[in-house]
N, C-alpha and C. Protein backbone atom coordinates (compact mmCIF):
# COMPACT_ATOMS: atom_id res chain seq x y z
N UNK A 1 124.83 119.17 98.95
CA UNK A 1 125.93 119.12 97.37
C UNK A 1 127.18 118.61 98.46
N UNK A 2 127.47 117.67 97.54
CA UNK A 2 129.06 117.17 98.23
C UNK A 2 130.40 117.60 98.45
N UNK A 3 130.85 117.40 99.25
CA UNK A 3 132.28 117.97 99.29
C UNK A 3 133.46 117.34 99.13
N UNK A 4 133.92 118.20 98.24
CA UNK A 4 135.22 117.30 98.15
C UNK A 4 136.59 117.38 98.72
N UNK A 5 136.67 116.07 99.18
CA UNK A 5 137.87 116.28 100.19
C UNK A 5 138.10 114.44 100.31
N UNK A 6 139.09 114.35 101.69
CA UNK A 6 138.91 112.59 102.04
C UNK A 6 137.63 112.41 103.06
N UNK A 7 137.22 113.42 103.36
CA UNK A 7 135.97 113.17 104.18
C UNK A 7 136.08 112.37 106.03
N UNK A 8 138.00 112.26 105.91
CA UNK A 8 138.32 112.81 107.35
C UNK A 8 138.39 113.83 108.12
N UNK A 9 139.16 114.82 107.54
CA UNK A 9 139.82 115.76 107.85
C UNK A 9 139.44 116.83 106.70
N UNK A 10 139.24 116.40 105.50
CA UNK A 10 138.55 117.65 105.11
C UNK A 10 139.67 118.46 103.78
N UNK A 11 140.50 117.56 104.16
CA UNK A 11 141.26 118.22 102.81
C UNK A 11 140.87 117.97 101.53
N UNK A 12 141.71 118.56 100.76
CA UNK A 12 141.52 118.30 98.94
C UNK A 12 142.06 117.30 99.14
N UNK A 13 141.32 116.25 98.12
CA UNK A 13 142.17 114.98 97.68
C UNK A 13 142.70 115.37 96.96
N UNK A 14 143.07 116.09 95.99
CA UNK A 14 144.40 116.45 95.43
C UNK A 14 145.98 116.52 95.80
N UNK A 15 145.47 117.52 97.32
CA UNK A 15 147.04 117.85 97.83
C UNK A 15 147.69 116.89 98.14
N UNK A 16 147.75 115.70 98.56
CA UNK A 16 148.77 114.75 98.68
C UNK A 16 149.62 114.41 97.76
N UNK A 17 148.72 113.82 96.85
CA UNK A 17 149.23 113.57 95.84
C UNK A 17 150.06 114.58 94.92
N UNK A 18 150.05 115.63 95.30
CA UNK A 18 150.63 116.28 94.66
C UNK A 18 151.82 117.43 95.12
N UNK A 19 151.70 117.29 96.51
CA UNK A 19 152.78 117.86 97.41
C UNK A 19 154.01 116.52 97.13
N UNK A 20 152.80 115.50 97.30
CA UNK A 20 153.88 114.28 96.92
C UNK A 20 154.79 114.35 95.79
N UNK A 21 154.16 114.44 94.63
CA UNK A 21 155.05 114.34 93.27
C UNK A 21 155.86 115.38 93.20
N UNK A 22 155.37 116.95 93.94
CA UNK A 22 156.68 117.68 93.92
C UNK A 22 157.95 117.66 94.57
N UNK A 23 157.39 116.59 96.14
CA UNK A 23 158.90 116.61 96.34
C UNK A 23 159.46 114.93 96.35
N UNK A 24 158.98 114.45 94.94
CA UNK A 24 159.72 113.21 94.82
C UNK A 24 160.91 114.55 93.57
N UNK A 25 160.00 115.02 92.93
CA UNK A 25 160.66 115.85 91.88
C UNK A 25 161.98 116.12 92.70
N UNK A 26 161.80 117.24 93.57
CA UNK A 26 162.90 117.54 94.18
C UNK A 26 164.65 116.96 94.90
N UNK A 27 163.69 116.45 95.26
CA UNK A 27 164.15 114.74 95.59
C UNK A 27 165.55 114.28 94.54
N UNK A 28 164.72 113.63 93.96
CA UNK A 28 165.42 113.22 92.56
C UNK A 28 166.25 114.28 91.84
N UNK A 29 165.81 115.40 91.77
CA UNK A 29 166.81 116.50 90.70
C UNK A 29 167.79 116.18 91.54
N UNK A 30 167.93 116.60 93.19
CA UNK A 30 169.02 116.68 94.09
C UNK A 30 170.39 114.92 94.61
N UNK A 31 169.74 114.06 93.71
CA UNK A 31 170.70 112.79 93.71
C UNK A 31 171.29 113.04 92.71
N UNK A 32 172.73 112.51 92.95
CA UNK A 32 173.90 112.50 92.44
C UNK A 32 173.78 111.87 90.87
N UNK A 33 174.14 112.04 89.89
CA UNK A 33 173.65 111.27 88.63
C UNK A 33 174.79 110.14 88.11
N UNK A 34 174.34 109.32 87.40
CA UNK A 34 175.51 107.97 87.89
C UNK A 34 175.99 107.51 86.36
N UNK A 35 175.65 108.98 85.80
CA UNK A 35 176.00 108.88 83.82
C UNK A 35 176.98 110.11 83.79
N UNK A 36 177.00 109.97 82.05
CA UNK A 36 177.86 111.25 82.07
C UNK A 36 177.47 112.52 82.48
N UNK A 37 178.59 113.36 83.57
CA UNK A 37 178.49 114.74 83.68
C UNK A 37 179.44 115.25 82.32
N UNK A 38 178.83 116.25 81.80
CA UNK A 38 179.54 117.20 80.50
C UNK A 38 179.32 118.48 80.98
N UNK A 39 181.36 118.67 80.61
CA UNK A 39 181.33 120.38 81.48
C UNK A 39 180.45 121.55 80.51
N UNK A 40 180.26 122.27 81.54
CA UNK A 40 179.63 123.74 80.72
C UNK A 40 180.66 124.43 79.57
N UNK A 41 179.72 124.86 78.29
CA UNK A 41 180.51 125.60 77.72
C UNK A 41 182.07 126.53 77.99
N UNK A 42 181.47 127.01 78.70
CA UNK A 42 182.30 127.98 79.79
C UNK A 42 183.16 127.39 80.93
N UNK A 43 183.52 125.90 80.97
CA UNK A 43 184.49 125.59 81.60
C UNK A 43 185.63 124.97 81.40
N UNK A 44 186.72 125.21 81.26
CA UNK A 44 187.94 124.68 81.27
C UNK A 44 188.08 123.43 80.96
N UNK A 45 187.09 122.78 81.10
CA UNK A 45 187.62 121.40 80.27
C UNK A 45 186.05 120.93 79.04
N UNK A 46 185.70 122.20 78.51
CA UNK A 46 184.79 122.00 78.13
C UNK A 46 185.55 121.77 76.76
N UNK A 47 185.00 121.85 75.26
CA UNK A 47 185.94 120.95 74.05
C UNK A 47 185.85 122.73 73.65
N UNK A 48 186.99 122.86 73.40
CA UNK A 48 187.33 123.96 72.42
C UNK A 48 186.33 124.21 71.02
N UNK A 49 186.50 125.91 70.79
CA UNK A 49 185.79 125.69 69.42
C UNK A 49 186.56 125.61 68.26
N UNK A 50 186.63 124.53 67.34
CA UNK A 50 186.82 124.34 66.26
C UNK A 50 188.59 124.76 65.77
N UNK A 51 189.52 123.84 65.66
CA UNK A 51 190.94 124.80 65.54
C UNK A 51 191.37 124.91 66.57
N UNK A 52 191.12 125.00 67.59
CA UNK A 52 191.82 125.25 68.96
C UNK A 52 192.32 124.01 69.80
N UNK A 53 193.28 124.33 70.52
CA UNK A 53 192.84 123.36 72.18
C UNK A 53 193.05 124.66 73.27
N UNK A 54 193.32 123.84 74.00
CA UNK A 54 192.59 124.79 75.31
C UNK A 54 194.28 123.91 76.42
N UNK A 55 194.79 124.86 77.12
CA UNK A 55 196.12 124.17 77.69
C UNK A 55 196.01 125.01 79.47
N UNK A 56 195.85 123.95 80.32
CA UNK A 56 195.86 124.25 81.32
C UNK A 56 196.73 124.02 82.02
N UNK A 57 197.62 125.56 82.46
CA UNK A 57 198.79 125.33 83.74
C UNK A 57 198.29 124.98 85.03
N UNK A 58 198.74 123.84 85.81
CA UNK A 58 198.71 124.06 86.93
C UNK A 58 200.14 123.62 88.10
N UNK A 59 200.32 124.73 88.66
CA UNK A 59 201.91 123.58 89.76
C UNK A 59 201.19 123.22 90.46
N UNK A 60 202.20 121.97 90.59
CA UNK A 60 202.09 120.71 91.36
C UNK A 60 202.76 120.52 92.86
N UNK A 61 204.09 121.32 92.49
CA UNK A 61 204.78 121.15 93.58
C UNK A 61 205.69 122.48 93.38
N UNK A 62 206.45 123.04 94.46
CA UNK A 62 207.86 124.07 94.65
C UNK A 62 208.44 124.36 95.61
N UNK A 63 209.43 124.07 95.63
CA UNK A 63 210.27 123.78 96.66
C UNK A 63 211.58 123.66 95.78
N UNK A 64 213.11 123.83 96.77
CA UNK A 64 214.17 124.55 96.38
C UNK A 64 215.01 122.87 95.90
N UNK A 65 214.29 122.03 96.15
CA UNK A 65 215.26 120.41 96.09
C UNK A 65 214.00 119.83 94.83
N UNK A 66 212.50 120.39 94.57
CA UNK A 66 212.26 119.61 93.42
C UNK A 66 210.28 120.46 93.08
N UNK A 67 209.93 120.20 91.85
CA UNK A 67 209.01 121.33 91.37
C UNK A 67 208.79 120.54 90.40
N UNK A 68 207.60 120.64 90.19
CA UNK A 68 206.85 119.74 89.44
C UNK A 68 205.35 120.96 89.00
N UNK A 69 205.36 120.57 86.96
CA UNK A 69 204.15 121.21 86.79
C UNK A 69 203.54 120.54 85.99
N UNK A 70 202.55 120.55 85.41
CA UNK A 70 201.57 120.18 85.07
C UNK A 70 200.96 120.79 83.61
N UNK A 71 201.15 120.47 82.11
CA UNK A 71 200.05 121.19 81.32
C UNK A 71 198.63 120.07 80.95
N UNK A 72 197.70 121.07 81.21
CA UNK A 72 196.56 119.62 80.81
C UNK A 72 196.41 120.06 79.35
N UNK A 73 196.47 119.33 78.38
CA UNK A 73 195.68 120.00 76.75
C UNK A 73 194.13 119.38 76.61
N UNK A 74 193.30 119.92 75.86
CA UNK A 74 191.88 119.87 75.56
C UNK A 74 191.87 119.79 74.72
N UNK A 75 191.70 119.07 73.77
CA UNK A 75 191.43 119.85 72.10
C UNK A 75 189.84 119.50 71.62
N UNK A 76 189.84 119.89 70.04
CA UNK A 76 188.76 119.86 69.11
C UNK A 76 188.46 118.34 68.94
N UNK A 77 189.12 117.42 69.16
CA UNK A 77 189.98 115.90 67.67
C UNK A 77 190.89 115.82 69.07
N UNK A 78 190.85 114.09 68.51
CA UNK A 78 191.90 113.50 68.80
C UNK A 78 193.27 113.32 68.40
N UNK A 79 194.23 112.89 69.00
CA UNK A 79 195.37 112.71 68.47
C UNK A 79 195.42 111.02 69.06
N UNK A 80 196.42 110.29 68.62
CA UNK A 80 196.67 109.25 69.21
C UNK A 80 198.57 108.80 68.99
N UNK A 81 198.88 109.67 68.80
CA UNK A 81 200.50 109.32 68.86
C UNK A 81 201.27 110.61 69.91
N UNK A 82 202.39 110.26 70.65
CA UNK A 82 203.06 111.18 71.41
C UNK A 82 204.51 110.49 71.30
N UNK A 83 205.28 111.74 71.11
CA UNK A 83 206.80 111.33 71.24
C UNK A 83 207.73 112.33 71.81
N UNK A 84 208.50 112.13 71.73
CA UNK A 84 209.73 113.14 72.18
C UNK A 84 210.91 113.04 71.76
N UNK A 85 211.39 114.27 71.51
CA UNK A 85 212.93 114.39 70.77
C UNK A 85 213.89 115.43 71.83
N UNK A 86 214.54 115.80 70.61
CA UNK A 86 215.77 116.40 71.07
C UNK A 86 215.02 118.02 70.99
N UNK A 87 213.77 118.13 70.56
CA UNK A 87 213.39 119.26 70.36
C UNK A 87 211.88 119.21 70.78
N UNK A 88 211.57 118.32 71.68
CA UNK A 88 210.02 118.95 72.47
C UNK A 88 209.99 117.51 72.68
N UNK A 89 208.47 117.49 73.15
CA UNK A 89 207.59 116.76 72.96
C UNK A 89 206.50 117.11 72.00
N UNK A 90 206.12 116.17 71.10
CA UNK A 90 204.94 116.13 70.01
C UNK A 90 203.87 115.33 70.34
N UNK A 91 202.86 116.35 69.47
CA UNK A 91 201.17 114.99 69.81
C UNK A 91 201.20 115.01 68.22
N UNK A 92 201.08 113.90 67.86
CA UNK A 92 200.59 113.91 65.92
C UNK A 92 199.56 113.03 65.87
N UNK A 93 199.03 112.95 64.45
CA UNK A 93 197.93 111.21 64.80
C UNK A 93 197.21 112.16 64.82
N UNK A 94 196.51 113.16 64.42
CA UNK A 94 194.66 113.50 64.55
C UNK A 94 193.41 113.02 64.12
N UNK A 95 192.67 112.99 64.49
CA UNK A 95 191.59 112.86 64.06
C UNK A 95 190.27 113.41 64.91
N UNK A 96 189.01 113.61 63.80
CA UNK A 96 188.09 113.69 64.26
C UNK A 96 187.45 113.33 65.40
N UNK A 97 186.65 113.50 66.06
CA UNK A 97 185.54 112.90 67.12
C UNK A 97 185.10 111.96 66.27
N UNK A 98 183.64 111.99 65.10
CA UNK A 98 183.20 111.54 64.70
C UNK A 98 183.52 110.94 63.14
N UNK A 99 184.96 110.51 63.32
CA UNK A 99 185.82 109.44 62.40
C UNK A 99 185.17 108.24 62.62
N UNK A 100 185.16 107.54 61.27
CA UNK A 100 184.02 105.77 61.65
C UNK A 100 185.72 105.40 60.74
N UNK A 101 186.73 105.96 60.39
CA UNK A 101 187.95 105.42 60.25
C UNK A 101 189.47 105.26 61.27
N UNK A 102 189.32 105.88 62.13
CA UNK A 102 190.37 106.12 63.09
C UNK A 102 189.93 106.12 64.41
N UNK A 103 191.23 105.58 65.34
CA UNK A 103 190.02 104.86 66.30
C UNK A 103 191.39 104.91 67.20
N UNK A 104 191.30 104.56 68.53
CA UNK A 104 192.31 104.60 69.56
C UNK A 104 193.00 106.00 70.40
N UNK A 105 192.88 107.24 69.37
CA UNK A 105 193.02 108.55 70.44
C UNK A 105 192.60 108.75 71.16
N UNK A 106 192.67 110.35 71.91
CA UNK A 106 191.98 110.95 72.72
C UNK A 106 192.55 112.09 73.04
N UNK A 107 191.51 113.16 73.71
CA UNK A 107 191.31 114.57 72.93
C UNK A 107 192.03 115.01 74.16
N UNK A 108 192.01 114.64 75.15
CA UNK A 108 193.28 114.88 76.51
C UNK A 108 194.60 114.50 77.13
N UNK A 109 195.26 114.83 77.07
CA UNK A 109 196.69 114.60 76.99
C UNK A 109 197.43 115.68 78.09
N UNK A 110 198.32 115.14 79.27
CA UNK A 110 198.88 116.14 80.06
C UNK A 110 200.58 115.63 80.05
N UNK A 111 201.04 117.23 79.94
CA UNK A 111 202.38 117.10 79.79
C UNK A 111 202.89 117.39 81.04
N UNK A 112 203.97 116.84 81.79
CA UNK A 112 204.04 116.70 82.82
C UNK A 112 205.96 116.88 82.94
N UNK A 113 206.63 118.16 83.73
CA UNK A 113 207.99 118.34 83.89
C UNK A 113 207.82 118.50 85.65
N UNK A 114 208.90 117.27 85.56
CA UNK A 114 209.64 117.44 86.90
C UNK A 114 210.80 117.33 87.12
N UNK A 115 211.55 118.50 87.88
CA UNK A 115 212.58 118.78 88.27
C UNK A 115 212.89 118.82 89.27
N UNK A 116 214.42 117.63 89.67
CA UNK A 116 214.66 117.43 91.42
C UNK A 116 216.29 117.49 91.52
N UNK A 117 216.67 118.01 92.32
CA UNK A 117 218.05 117.91 92.71
C UNK A 117 218.32 116.82 92.93
N UNK A 118 219.67 115.91 92.41
CA UNK A 118 220.11 115.02 92.44
C UNK A 118 220.93 114.70 93.56
N UNK A 119 220.99 113.64 93.71
CA UNK A 119 221.48 112.98 95.09
C UNK A 119 223.05 113.17 95.09
N UNK A 120 223.78 113.15 94.09
CA UNK A 120 225.22 113.03 93.39
C UNK A 120 225.66 113.62 94.75
N UNK A 121 227.00 112.96 94.84
CA UNK A 121 228.12 114.37 95.90
C UNK A 121 229.29 114.65 94.87
N UNK A 122 229.30 114.00 94.38
CA UNK A 122 230.51 114.33 93.00
C UNK A 122 230.43 115.56 92.52
N UNK A 123 229.07 115.94 91.88
CA UNK A 123 229.28 117.42 91.55
C UNK A 123 227.43 117.54 91.25
N UNK A 124 227.65 119.24 91.41
CA UNK A 124 225.53 119.37 91.62
C UNK A 124 225.17 118.81 90.58
N UNK A 125 223.84 118.37 90.76
CA UNK A 125 223.00 118.51 89.47
C UNK A 125 221.84 118.15 89.07
N UNK A 126 221.22 118.20 88.58
CA UNK A 126 219.66 118.10 88.73
C UNK A 126 219.33 117.28 87.77
N UNK A 127 218.14 116.39 87.65
CA UNK A 127 217.60 115.13 87.00
C UNK A 127 215.88 115.97 87.09
N UNK A 128 215.80 116.04 85.18
CA UNK A 128 214.47 116.75 84.33
C UNK A 128 214.01 115.33 83.76
N UNK A 129 212.81 115.30 85.00
CA UNK A 129 211.90 114.14 84.00
C UNK A 129 210.91 115.18 83.09
N UNK A 130 210.57 114.59 81.72
CA UNK A 130 208.92 115.23 80.83
C UNK A 130 208.56 114.29 80.49
N UNK A 131 207.04 114.68 80.80
CA UNK A 131 206.30 113.59 79.88
C UNK A 131 204.90 113.69 79.51
N UNK A 132 204.57 113.07 78.12
CA UNK A 132 203.12 113.88 77.75
C UNK A 132 202.50 112.01 78.09
N UNK A 133 201.39 112.23 78.06
CA UNK A 133 200.61 111.13 78.45
C UNK A 133 198.88 111.62 78.45
N UNK A 134 198.25 110.30 77.33
CA UNK A 134 196.95 110.77 77.24
C UNK A 134 196.14 109.95 77.86
N UNK A 135 194.81 110.37 78.35
CA UNK A 135 193.74 109.84 78.59
C UNK A 135 193.38 108.14 78.17
N UNK A 136 194.47 107.92 77.66
CA UNK A 136 193.99 106.70 76.17
C UNK A 136 194.98 105.88 76.94
N UNK A 137 195.51 105.71 77.84
CA UNK A 137 197.21 104.84 78.65
C UNK A 137 198.51 105.41 77.44
N UNK A 138 198.44 105.99 76.43
CA UNK A 138 199.23 106.19 75.97
C UNK A 138 200.66 107.12 76.42
N UNK A 139 201.56 107.10 76.13
CA UNK A 139 202.32 108.15 76.54
C UNK A 139 204.06 108.15 76.21
N UNK A 140 204.36 108.84 76.03
CA UNK A 140 206.21 109.38 76.34
C UNK A 140 206.82 109.34 77.32
N UNK A 141 207.56 109.68 78.15
CA UNK A 141 208.44 110.16 79.12
C UNK A 141 210.14 109.77 78.61
N UNK A 142 211.06 111.23 79.26
CA UNK A 142 211.79 111.36 79.09
C UNK A 142 212.78 111.76 80.62
N UNK A 143 214.34 111.07 81.04
CA UNK A 143 214.38 111.93 82.05
C UNK A 143 216.24 112.21 81.23
N UNK A 144 216.14 113.13 82.22
CA UNK A 144 217.77 114.22 81.61
C UNK A 144 218.98 114.66 82.91
N UNK A 145 219.71 114.60 82.91
CA UNK A 145 220.25 114.64 84.33
C UNK A 145 221.12 115.90 83.48
N UNK A 146 221.56 117.00 84.13
CA UNK A 146 222.06 118.06 83.99
C UNK A 146 222.97 118.36 84.79
N UNK A 147 224.38 118.52 84.72
CA UNK A 147 225.25 118.29 85.91
C UNK A 147 225.73 120.11 85.87
N UNK A 148 226.81 119.96 86.74
CA UNK A 148 227.33 121.19 86.94
C UNK A 148 226.13 122.56 86.72
N UNK A 149 224.83 122.40 88.17
CA UNK A 149 223.78 123.60 88.35
C UNK A 149 223.68 123.09 88.73
N UNK A 150 223.38 124.53 89.96
CA UNK A 150 222.79 124.72 91.04
C UNK A 150 222.41 123.76 91.55
N UNK A 151 222.18 122.96 92.90
CA UNK A 151 220.70 122.28 93.24
C UNK A 151 219.75 123.04 93.38
N UNK A 152 219.70 124.60 93.57
CA UNK A 152 218.72 125.13 93.44
C UNK A 152 217.63 125.00 92.70
N UNK A 153 216.72 124.07 92.56
CA UNK A 153 215.76 123.47 91.34
C UNK A 153 214.66 124.76 91.30
N UNK A 154 214.33 124.97 92.10
CA UNK A 154 213.47 125.91 91.80
C UNK A 154 213.91 127.72 91.40
N UNK A 155 215.51 127.66 91.06
CA UNK A 155 215.99 128.90 90.60
C UNK A 155 216.12 128.10 88.98
N UNK A 156 216.30 127.48 88.99
CA UNK A 156 216.52 126.35 87.50
C UNK A 156 215.60 126.98 86.43
N UNK A 157 213.68 126.25 87.08
CA UNK A 157 212.77 125.92 86.53
C UNK A 157 212.64 128.02 86.28
N UNK A 158 212.06 127.59 85.12
CA UNK A 158 212.04 129.23 84.99
C UNK A 158 210.55 128.60 84.02
N UNK A 159 208.86 128.78 84.21
CA UNK A 159 208.23 128.43 83.25
C UNK A 159 207.36 129.89 82.87
N UNK A 160 207.27 129.55 81.23
CA UNK A 160 206.93 130.65 80.61
C UNK A 160 204.99 130.18 80.41
N UNK A 161 204.63 129.36 80.37
CA UNK A 161 202.96 128.93 79.96
C UNK A 161 202.60 128.67 81.61
N UNK A 162 202.20 129.58 82.28
CA UNK A 162 201.47 129.43 83.86
C UNK A 162 200.31 130.17 84.12
N UNK A 163 199.59 130.39 82.53
CA UNK A 163 198.15 130.74 82.62
C UNK A 163 197.66 129.89 81.82
N UNK A 164 196.32 129.26 81.72
CA UNK A 164 195.32 128.57 81.34
C UNK A 164 195.04 130.02 79.90
N UNK A 165 194.66 128.74 78.70
CA UNK A 165 195.68 129.71 77.29
C UNK A 165 194.46 128.68 76.83
N UNK A 166 193.76 129.06 75.42
CA UNK A 166 193.40 129.06 74.35
C UNK A 166 193.77 128.92 73.19
N UNK A 167 194.43 128.75 72.20
CA UNK A 167 195.39 128.21 71.45
C UNK A 167 194.84 127.50 70.18
N UNK A 168 195.20 128.10 68.96
CA UNK A 168 195.37 127.82 67.51
C UNK A 168 196.01 126.62 67.06
N UNK A 169 195.21 125.95 66.00
CA UNK A 169 196.63 124.80 66.00
C UNK A 169 196.66 125.19 64.61
N UNK A 170 198.07 124.60 63.91
CA UNK A 170 198.91 123.57 64.62
C UNK A 170 199.58 124.80 65.66
N UNK A 171 200.55 124.10 66.54
CA UNK A 171 201.13 125.39 67.44
C UNK A 171 202.33 124.29 67.77
N UNK A 172 203.47 125.18 68.31
CA UNK A 172 204.62 124.98 68.85
C UNK A 172 204.65 126.03 70.23
N UNK A 173 204.16 125.45 71.42
CA UNK A 173 204.03 126.44 72.38
C UNK A 173 205.77 126.03 73.27
N UNK A 174 206.41 127.07 73.76
CA UNK A 174 207.33 126.69 74.88
C UNK A 174 206.67 127.07 75.96
N UNK A 175 206.81 125.49 76.73
CA UNK A 175 206.28 125.48 77.87
C UNK A 175 206.93 126.53 79.27
N UNK A 176 208.63 126.36 79.49
CA UNK A 176 209.25 127.19 79.54
C UNK A 176 210.79 126.19 79.43
N UNK A 177 211.24 126.85 80.62
CA UNK A 177 213.24 126.30 80.43
C UNK A 177 213.40 125.97 81.82
N UNK A 178 214.60 125.00 81.83
CA UNK A 178 215.11 124.59 83.02
C UNK A 178 216.63 124.42 82.39
N UNK A 179 217.21 125.69 83.49
CA UNK A 179 218.40 125.82 83.43
C UNK A 179 219.16 126.68 81.94
N UNK A 180 217.88 126.70 80.81
CA UNK A 180 218.03 127.49 79.68
C UNK A 180 217.85 126.24 78.32
N UNK A 181 217.84 125.54 79.52
CA UNK A 181 217.11 124.68 78.02
C UNK A 181 215.69 124.58 77.84
N UNK A 182 214.99 124.78 76.61
CA UNK A 182 213.63 124.93 76.27
C UNK A 182 213.14 123.74 76.42
N UNK A 183 211.64 124.08 77.05
CA UNK A 183 210.68 122.30 77.24
C UNK A 183 209.90 123.26 76.27
N UNK A 184 209.81 122.39 75.33
CA UNK A 184 208.66 122.44 74.63
C UNK A 184 207.26 121.39 74.07
N UNK A 185 206.48 121.61 73.44
CA UNK A 185 205.38 121.13 73.03
C UNK A 185 204.78 121.26 71.42
N UNK A 186 204.57 120.10 70.45
CA UNK A 186 204.45 121.05 69.39
C UNK A 186 203.14 120.27 69.22
N UNK A 187 201.70 120.69 69.03
CA UNK A 187 200.92 119.81 68.77
C UNK A 187 199.92 119.90 67.17
N UNK A 188 200.24 119.11 66.67
CA UNK A 188 200.07 119.07 65.56
C UNK A 188 197.92 118.99 65.16
N UNK A 189 198.00 119.55 63.31
CA UNK A 189 196.10 120.13 63.15
C UNK A 189 196.33 118.46 63.29
């Protein structure tokens, strides 16, 4: 009767190739991928359900002289236009992901509120900067100096949207106030 094996050690001839293949799969599975990594459906960065946006709040810095907050908007569509006016920030010019007629927009935008005490010795004031930037490098920014206000920035900034949320479109969101002045974001459908 003929033996199965390599003839030297008596091991089965399939043992080495199968073990090597299992080891190869394990190593390949643990390597980082170089392609796109898609967020899981439960991830805050995943695409929200149709007709909604995710608003992700993050406190970047908070001290007596400087407060910075960021809100990331993840949409179910792309937007092309960001504007700023007395009524706040506006995100408009939307089109669906699969559009063949429109391009140049993005579905990820970041609102940043940066408030600092002014270095002016004449009267106490704070400088507020609001910006809305897209991952497509499009954006808008505005600065405003508010005088006769305590230089304690942390007491002047009141954030109303400090938790992540999923919001239906269209929406006009009040993010907070700076010395009583509302900071709003309008997102058009």
